[in-house]
PDB file of N, CA and C in Angstrom:
ATOM      1  N   UNK A   1      -7.078  -6.526 -16.471  1.00  0.00           N
ATOM      2  CA  UNK A   1      -8.001  -5.655 -17.166  1.00  0.00           C
ATOM      3  C   UNK A   1      -7.305  -4.326 -17.457  1.00  0.00           C
ATOM      4  N   UNK A   2      -7.484  -3.823 -18.625  1.00  0.00           N
ATOM      5  CA  UNK A   2      -6.873  -2.558 -19.023  1.00  0.00           C
ATOM      6  C   UNK A   2      -7.871  -1.429 -18.783  1.00  0.00           C
ATOM      7  N   UNK A   3      -7.433  -0.381 -18.139  1.00  0.00           N
ATOM      8  CA  UNK A   3      -8.284   0.783 -17.894  1.00  0.00           C
ATOM      9  C   UNK A   3      -7.863   1.919 -18.811  1.00  0.00           C
ATOM     10  N   UNK A   4      -8.823   2.680 -19.265  1.00  0.00           N
ATOM     11  CA  UNK A   4      -8.536   3.827 -20.124  1.00  0.00           C
ATOM     12  C   UNK A   4      -7.738   4.897 -19.380  1.00  0.00           C
ATOM     13  N   UNK A   5      -7.999   5.045 -18.115  1.00  0.00           N
ATOM     14  CA  UNK A   5      -7.352   6.078 -17.316  1.00  0.00           C
ATOM     15  C   UNK A   5      -6.883   5.468 -15.998  1.00  0.00           C
ATOM     16  N   UNK A   6      -5.627   5.696 -15.656  1.00  0.00           N
ATOM     17  CA  UNK A   6      -5.117   5.206 -14.373  1.00  0.00           C
ATOM     18  C   UNK A   6      -5.802   5.972 -13.256  1.00  0.00           C
ATOM     19  N   UNK A   7      -6.330   5.243 -12.297  1.00  0.00           N
ATOM     20  CA  UNK A   7      -6.978   5.942 -11.186  1.00  0.00           C
ATOM     21  C   UNK A   7      -6.872   5.150  -9.889  1.00  0.00           C
ATOM     22  N   UNK A   8      -7.449   3.972  -9.840  1.00  0.00           N
ATOM     23  CA  UNK A   8      -7.405   3.166  -8.630  1.00  0.00           C
ATOM     24  C   UNK A   8      -6.313   2.117  -8.752  1.00  0.00           C
ATOM     25  N   UNK A   9      -5.482   2.029  -7.719  1.00  0.00           N
ATOM     26  CA  UNK A   9      -4.333   1.135  -7.765  1.00  0.00           C
ATOM     27  C   UNK A   9      -4.311   0.280  -6.503  1.00  0.00           C
ATOM     28  N   UNK A  10      -4.052  -1.009  -6.675  1.00  0.00           N
ATOM     29  CA  UNK A  10      -3.841  -1.907  -5.550  1.00  0.00           C
ATOM     30  C   UNK A  10      -2.337  -2.065  -5.386  1.00  0.00           C
ATOM     31  N   UNK A  11      -1.845  -1.824  -4.174  1.00  0.00           N
ATOM     32  CA  UNK A  11      -0.415  -1.928  -3.906  1.00  0.00           C
ATOM     33  C   UNK A  11      -0.188  -3.068  -2.917  1.00  0.00           C
ATOM     34  N   UNK A  12       0.560  -4.066  -3.341  1.00  0.00           N
ATOM     35  CA  UNK A  12       0.961  -5.161  -2.465  1.00  0.00           C
ATOM     36  C   UNK A  12       2.389  -4.903  -2.017  1.00  0.00           C
ATOM     37  N   UNK A  13       2.585  -4.826  -0.724  1.00  0.00           N
ATOM     38  CA  UNK A  13       3.896  -4.516  -0.154  1.00  0.00           C
ATOM     39  C   UNK A  13       4.453  -5.766   0.522  1.00  0.00           C
ATOM     40  N   UNK A  14       5.698  -6.078   0.228  1.00  0.00           N
ATOM     41  CA  UNK A  14       6.427  -7.137   0.925  1.00  0.00           C
ATOM     42  C   UNK A  14       7.628  -6.467   1.575  1.00  0.00           C
ATOM     43  N   UNK A  15       7.767  -6.657   2.886  1.00  0.00           N
ATOM     44  CA  UNK A  15       8.825  -5.980   3.623  1.00  0.00           C
ATOM     45  C   UNK A  15       9.407  -6.925   4.675  1.00  0.00           C
ATOM     46  N   UNK A  16      10.586  -6.586   5.196  1.00  0.00           N
ATOM     47  CA  UNK A  16      11.207  -7.459   6.192  1.00  0.00           C
ATOM     48  C   UNK A  16      10.491  -7.449   7.545  1.00  0.00           C
ATOM     49  N   UNK A  17       9.722  -6.355   7.839  1.00  0.00           N
ATOM     50  CA  UNK A  17       9.064  -6.274   9.149  1.00  0.00           C
ATOM     51  C   UNK A  17       7.881  -5.320   9.087  1.00  0.00           C
ATOM     52  N   UNK A  18       7.069  -5.319  10.154  1.00  0.00           N
ATOM     53  CA  UNK A  18       5.883  -4.460  10.226  1.00  0.00           C
ATOM     54  C   UNK A  18       6.233  -2.987  10.097  1.00  0.00           C
ATOM     55  N   UNK A  19       7.263  -2.567  10.788  1.00  0.00           N
ATOM     56  CA  UNK A  19       7.644  -1.155  10.798  1.00  0.00           C
ATOM     57  C   UNK A  19       7.930  -0.650   9.393  1.00  0.00           C
ATOM     58  N   UNK A  20       8.674  -1.420   8.626  1.00  0.00           N
ATOM     59  CA  UNK A  20       9.022  -1.017   7.262  1.00  0.00           C
ATOM     60  C   UNK A  20       7.797  -0.991   6.359  1.00  0.00           C
ATOM     61  N   UNK A  21       6.963  -2.023   6.436  1.00  0.00           N
ATOM     62  CA  UNK A  21       5.763  -2.099   5.597  1.00  0.00           C
ATOM     63  C   UNK A  21       4.814  -0.945   5.898  1.00  0.00           C
ATOM     64  N   UNK A  22       4.580  -0.665   7.167  1.00  0.00           N
ATOM     65  CA  UNK A  22       3.657   0.397   7.541  1.00  0.00           C
ATOM     66  C   UNK A  22       4.236   1.782   7.233  1.00  0.00           C
ATOM     67  N   UNK A  23       5.547   1.939   7.316  1.00  0.00           N
ATOM     68  CA  UNK A  23       6.184   3.213   6.947  1.00  0.00           C
ATOM     69  C   UNK A  23       6.030   3.477   5.450  1.00  0.00           C
ATOM     70  N   UNK A  24       6.190   2.443   4.645  1.00  0.00           N
ATOM     71  CA  UNK A  24       6.013   2.604   3.197  1.00  0.00           C
ATOM     72  C   UNK A  24       4.567   2.970   2.878  1.00  0.00           C
ATOM     73  N   UNK A  25       3.634   2.298   3.531  1.00  0.00           N
ATOM     74  CA  UNK A  25       2.224   2.617   3.341  1.00  0.00           C
ATOM     75  C   UNK A  25       1.944   4.078   3.722  1.00  0.00           C
ATOM     76  N   UNK A  26       2.537   4.545   4.814  1.00  0.00           N
ATOM     77  CA  UNK A  26       2.345   5.929   5.245  1.00  0.00           C
ATOM     78  C   UNK A  26       2.914   6.905   4.219  1.00  0.00           C
ATOM     79  N   UNK A  27       4.014   6.551   3.604  1.00  0.00           N
ATOM     80  CA  UNK A  27       4.588   7.391   2.548  1.00  0.00           C
ATOM     81  C   UNK A  27       3.599   7.539   1.393  1.00  0.00           C
ATOM     82  N   UNK A  28       2.972   6.431   0.989  1.00  0.00           N
ATOM     83  CA  UNK A  28       1.962   6.494  -0.069  1.00  0.00           C
ATOM     84  C   UNK A  28       0.773   7.344   0.373  1.00  0.00           C
ATOM     85  N   UNK A  29       0.339   7.166   1.620  1.00  0.00           N
ATOM     86  CA  UNK A  29      -0.823   7.889   2.140  1.00  0.00           C
ATOM     87  C   UNK A  29      -0.569   9.393   2.254  1.00  0.00           C
ATOM     88  N   UNK A  30       0.693   9.786   2.315  1.00  0.00           N
ATOM     89  CA  UNK A  30       0.996  11.213   2.380  1.00  0.00           C
ATOM     90  C   UNK A  30       0.892  11.883   1.010  1.00  0.00           C
ATOM     91  N   UNK A  31       0.758  11.084  -0.041  1.00  0.00           N
ATOM     92  CA  UNK A  31       0.723  11.630  -1.404  1.00  0.00           C
ATOM     93  C   UNK A  31      -0.634  11.466  -2.091  1.00  0.00           C
ATOM     94  N   UNK A  32      -1.352  10.374  -1.795  1.00  0.00           N
ATOM     95  CA  UNK A  32      -2.635  10.089  -2.448  1.00  0.00           C
ATOM     96  C   UNK A  32      -3.663   9.635  -1.430  1.00  0.00           C
ATOM     97  N   UNK A  33      -4.929   9.810  -1.796  1.00  0.00           N
ATOM     98  CA  UNK A  33      -6.005   9.265  -0.968  1.00  0.00           C
ATOM     99  C   UNK A  33      -5.804   7.754  -0.907  1.00  0.00           C
ATOM    100  N   UNK A  34      -5.802   7.211   0.287  1.00  0.00           N
ATOM    101  CA  UNK A  34      -5.435   5.811   0.487  1.00  0.00           C
ATOM    102  C   UNK A  34      -6.405   5.125   1.425  1.00  0.00           C
ATOM    103  N   UNK A  35      -6.757   3.889   1.087  1.00  0.00           N
ATOM    104  CA  UNK A  35      -7.467   3.016   2.020  1.00  0.00           C
ATOM    105  C   UNK A  35      -6.395   2.101   2.597  1.00  0.00           C
ATOM    106  N   UNK A  36      -5.877   2.440   3.773  1.00  0.00           N
ATOM    107  CA  UNK A  36      -4.728   1.706   4.312  1.00  0.00           C
ATOM    108  C   UNK A  36      -5.102   0.371   4.932  1.00  0.00           C
ATOM    109  N   UNK A  37      -4.145  -0.522   4.955  1.00  0.00           N
ATOM    110  CA  UNK A  37      -4.274  -1.783   5.679  1.00  0.00           C
ATOM    111  C   UNK A  37      -4.019  -1.499   7.151  1.00  0.00           C
ATOM    112  N   UNK A  38      -4.730  -2.171   8.017  1.00  0.00           N
ATOM    113  CA  UNK A  38      -4.555  -1.981   9.448  1.00  0.00           C
ATOM    114  C   UNK A  38      -3.493  -2.918  10.027  1.00  0.00           C
ATOM    115  N   UNK A  39      -3.273  -4.045   9.350  1.00  0.00           N
ATOM    116  CA  UNK A  39      -2.351  -5.055   9.861  1.00  0.00           C
ATOM    117  C   UNK A  39      -1.549  -5.653   8.712  1.00  0.00           C
ATOM    118  N   UNK A  40      -0.375  -6.120   9.037  1.00  0.00           N
ATOM    119  CA  UNK A  40       0.402  -6.896   8.075  1.00  0.00           C
ATOM    120  C   UNK A  40       0.084  -8.365   8.312  1.00  0.00           C
ATOM    121  N   UNK A  41       0.503  -9.206   7.381  1.00  0.00           N
ATOM    122  CA  UNK A  41       0.354 -10.649   7.587  1.00  0.00           C
ATOM    123  C   UNK A  41       1.641 -11.321   7.161  1.00  0.00           C
ATOM    124  N   UNK A  42       1.901 -12.434   7.765  1.00  0.00           N
ATOM    125  CA  UNK A  42       3.077 -13.217   7.409  1.00  0.00           C
ATOM    126  C   UNK A  42       2.647 -14.568   6.874  1.00  0.00           C
ATOM    127  N   UNK A  43       3.423 -15.108   5.975  1.00  0.00           N
ATOM    128  CA  UNK A  43       3.169 -16.444   5.439  1.00  0.00           C
ATOM    129  C   UNK A  43       4.064 -17.432   6.174  1.00  0.00           C
ATOM    130  N   UNK A  44       3.473 -18.509   6.651  1.00  0.00           N
ATOM    131  CA  UNK A  44       4.220 -19.522   7.394  1.00  0.00           C
ATOM    132  C   UNK A  44       5.385 -20.026   6.548  1.00  0.00           C
ATOM    133  N   UNK A  45       6.561 -20.034   7.141  1.00  0.00           N
ATOM    134  CA  UNK A  45       7.751 -20.532   6.455  1.00  0.00           C
ATOM    135  C   UNK A  45       8.409 -19.532   5.517  1.00  0.00           C
ATOM    136  N   UNK A  46       7.837 -18.338   5.407  1.00  0.00           N
ATOM    137  CA  UNK A  46       8.398 -17.311   4.535  1.00  0.00           C
ATOM    138  C   UNK A  46       8.859 -16.126   5.383  1.00  0.00           C
ATOM    139  N   UNK A  47       9.987 -15.548   5.054  1.00  0.00           N
ATOM    140  CA  UNK A  47      10.444 -14.371   5.811  1.00  0.00           C
ATOM    141  C   UNK A  47       9.625 -13.138   5.446  1.00  0.00           C
ATOM    142  N   UNK A  48       9.576 -12.187   6.356  1.00  0.00           N
ATOM    143  CA  UNK A  48       8.950 -10.903   6.077  1.00  0.00           C
ATOM    144  C   UNK A  48       7.451 -10.892   6.287  1.00  0.00           C
ATOM    145  N   UNK A  49       6.866  -9.752   5.948  1.00  0.00           N
ATOM    146  CA  UNK A  49       5.431  -9.531   6.093  1.00  0.00           C
ATOM    147  C   UNK A  49       4.879  -8.941   4.801  1.00  0.00           C
ATOM    148  N   UNK A  50       3.558  -8.986   4.689  1.00  0.00           N
ATOM    149  CA  UNK A  50       2.875  -8.438   3.515  1.00  0.00           C
ATOM    150  C   UNK A  50       1.725  -7.561   3.967  1.00  0.00           C
ATOM    151  N   UNK A  51       1.391  -6.589   3.140  1.00  0.00           N
ATOM    152  CA  UNK A  51       0.156  -5.841   3.334  1.00  0.00           C
ATOM    153  C   UNK A  51      -0.332  -5.359   1.981  1.00  0.00           C
ATOM    154  N   UNK A  52      -1.608  -5.037   1.926  1.00  0.00           N
ATOM    155  CA  UNK A  52      -2.217  -4.531   0.693  1.00  0.00           C
ATOM    156  C   UNK A  52      -2.950  -3.247   1.034  1.00  0.00           C
ATOM    157  N   UNK A  53      -2.724  -2.213   0.221  1.00  0.00           N
ATOM    158  CA  UNK A  53      -3.471  -0.973   0.386  1.00  0.00           C
ATOM    159  C   UNK A  53      -3.961  -0.518  -0.988  1.00  0.00           C
ATOM    160  N   UNK A  54      -4.894   0.409  -0.970  1.00  0.00           N
ATOM    161  CA  UNK A  54      -5.531   0.881  -2.194  1.00  0.00           C
ATOM    162  C   UNK A  54      -5.341   2.384  -2.309  1.00  0.00           C
ATOM    163  N   UNK A  55      -4.919   2.834  -3.492  1.00  0.00           N
ATOM    164  CA  UNK A  55      -4.683   4.262  -3.743  1.00  0.00           C
ATOM    165  C   UNK A  55      -5.664   4.764  -4.792  1.00  0.00           C
ATOM    166  N   UNK A  56      -6.058   6.008  -4.645  1.00  0.00           N
ATOM    167  CA  UNK A  56      -6.851   6.681  -5.668  1.00  0.00           C
ATOM    168  C   UNK A  56      -5.979   7.788  -6.241  1.00  0.00           C
ATOM    169  N   UNK A  57      -5.396   7.540  -7.402  1.00  0.00           N
ATOM    170  CA  UNK A  57      -4.472   8.496  -8.020  1.00  0.00           C
ATOM    171  C   UNK A  57      -5.168   9.753  -8.519  1.00  0.00           C
ATOM    172  N   UNK A  58      -6.506   9.730  -8.571  1.00  0.00           N
ATOM    173  CA  UNK A  58      -7.248  10.930  -8.971  1.00  0.00           C
ATOM    174  C   UNK A  58      -7.303  11.950  -7.838  1.00  0.00           C
ATOM    175  N   UNK A  59      -6.901  11.524  -6.635  1.00  0.00           N
ATOM    176  CA  UNK A  59      -6.999  12.404  -5.480  1.00  0.00           C
ATOM    177  C   UNK A  59      -5.630  12.628  -4.818  1.00  0.00           C
ATOM    178  N   UNK A  60      -4.731  13.334  -5.509  1.00  0.00           N
ATOM    179  CA  UNK A  60      -3.445  13.641  -4.861  1.00  0.00           C
ATOM    180  C   UNK A  60      -3.667  14.573  -3.681  1.00  0.00           C
ATOM    181  N   UNK A  61      -2.877  14.397  -2.650  1.00  0.00           N
ATOM    182  CA  UNK A  61      -2.961  15.251  -1.474  1.00  0.00           C
ATOM    183  C   UNK A  61      -1.973  16.390  -1.611  1.00  0.00           C
ATOM    184  N   UNK A  62      -2.338  17.546  -1.100  1.00  0.00           N
ATOM    185  CA  UNK A  62      -1.423  18.686  -1.126  1.00  0.00           C
ATOM    186  C   UNK A  62      -0.263  18.429  -0.176  1.00  0.00           C
ATOM    187  N   UNK A  63       0.914  18.838  -0.578  1.00  0.00           N
ATOM    188  CA  UNK A  63       2.098  18.652   0.263  1.00  0.00           C
ATOM    189  C   UNK A  63       2.108  19.671   1.379  1.00  0.00           C
TER     190      UNK A  63
END
Protein backbone atom coordinates (compact mmCIF):
# COMPACT_ATOMS: atom_id res chain seq x y z
CA UNK A 1 0.00 0.00 0.00
CA UNK A 2 1.31 3.44 -0.87
CA UNK A 3 1.03 6.15 1.77
CA UNK A 4 0.94 9.85 0.99
CA UNK A 5 3.27 10.60 3.88
CA UNK A 6 5.91 8.35 5.43
CA UNK A 7 5.12 7.91 9.09
CA UNK A 8 4.72 4.39 10.46
CA UNK A 9 7.36 1.85 9.51
CA UNK A 10 7.67 -1.87 10.20
CA UNK A 11 11.30 -2.95 10.53
CA UNK A 12 12.21 -6.62 10.19
CA UNK A 13 15.69 -7.32 11.51
CA UNK A 14 17.74 -10.41 10.70
CA UNK A 15 20.94 -10.75 12.71
CA UNK A 16 23.48 -13.41 13.67
CA UNK A 17 22.47 -13.32 17.37
CA UNK A 18 20.16 -11.77 19.99
CA UNK A 19 22.72 -9.21 21.12
CA UNK A 20 23.17 -7.78 17.62
CA UNK A 21 19.44 -7.71 16.82
CA UNK A 22 18.52 -6.02 20.10
CA UNK A 23 21.40 -3.51 19.78
CA UNK A 24 20.16 -2.50 16.33
CA UNK A 25 16.63 -2.12 17.67
CA UNK A 26 17.98 0.08 20.49
CA UNK A 27 19.76 2.26 17.94
CA UNK A 28 16.43 2.82 16.16
CA UNK A 29 14.68 3.48 19.49
CA UNK A 30 17.22 6.19 20.32
CA UNK A 31 16.11 8.15 17.24
CA UNK A 32 12.34 7.57 16.84
CA UNK A 33 9.35 6.59 18.93
CA UNK A 34 9.45 2.80 18.77
CA UNK A 35 7.28 -0.13 19.76
CA UNK A 36 10.13 -2.57 20.42
CA UNK A 37 10.09 -6.33 20.22
CA UNK A 38 10.72 -8.04 23.54
CA UNK A 39 12.19 -11.23 22.09
CA UNK A 40 13.91 -12.47 18.98
CA UNK A 41 12.88 -15.66 17.22
CA UNK A 42 14.81 -18.21 15.27
CA UNK A 43 13.66 -20.32 12.35
CA UNK A 44 14.43 -24.03 12.62
CA UNK A 45 17.28 -24.95 10.30
CA UNK A 46 18.15 -21.32 9.57
CA UNK A 47 21.07 -19.42 11.09
CA UNK A 48 20.53 -16.23 13.05
CA UNK A 49 17.54 -14.60 14.69
CA UNK A 50 14.74 -12.26 13.64
CA UNK A 51 12.74 -9.53 15.29
CA UNK A 52 10.15 -6.99 14.20
CA UNK A 53 9.71 -3.51 15.62
CA UNK A 54 7.56 -0.54 14.68
CA UNK A 55 8.75 3.06 14.27
CA UNK A 56 6.79 6.28 14.15
CA UNK A 57 8.86 8.63 11.98
CA UNK A 58 6.57 11.53 12.91
CA UNK A 59 8.01 11.40 16.42
CA UNK A 60 11.79 11.86 16.27
CA UNK A 61 13.46 11.87 19.66
CA UNK A 62 15.79 14.66 20.71
CA UNK A 63 19.44 13.66 20.79
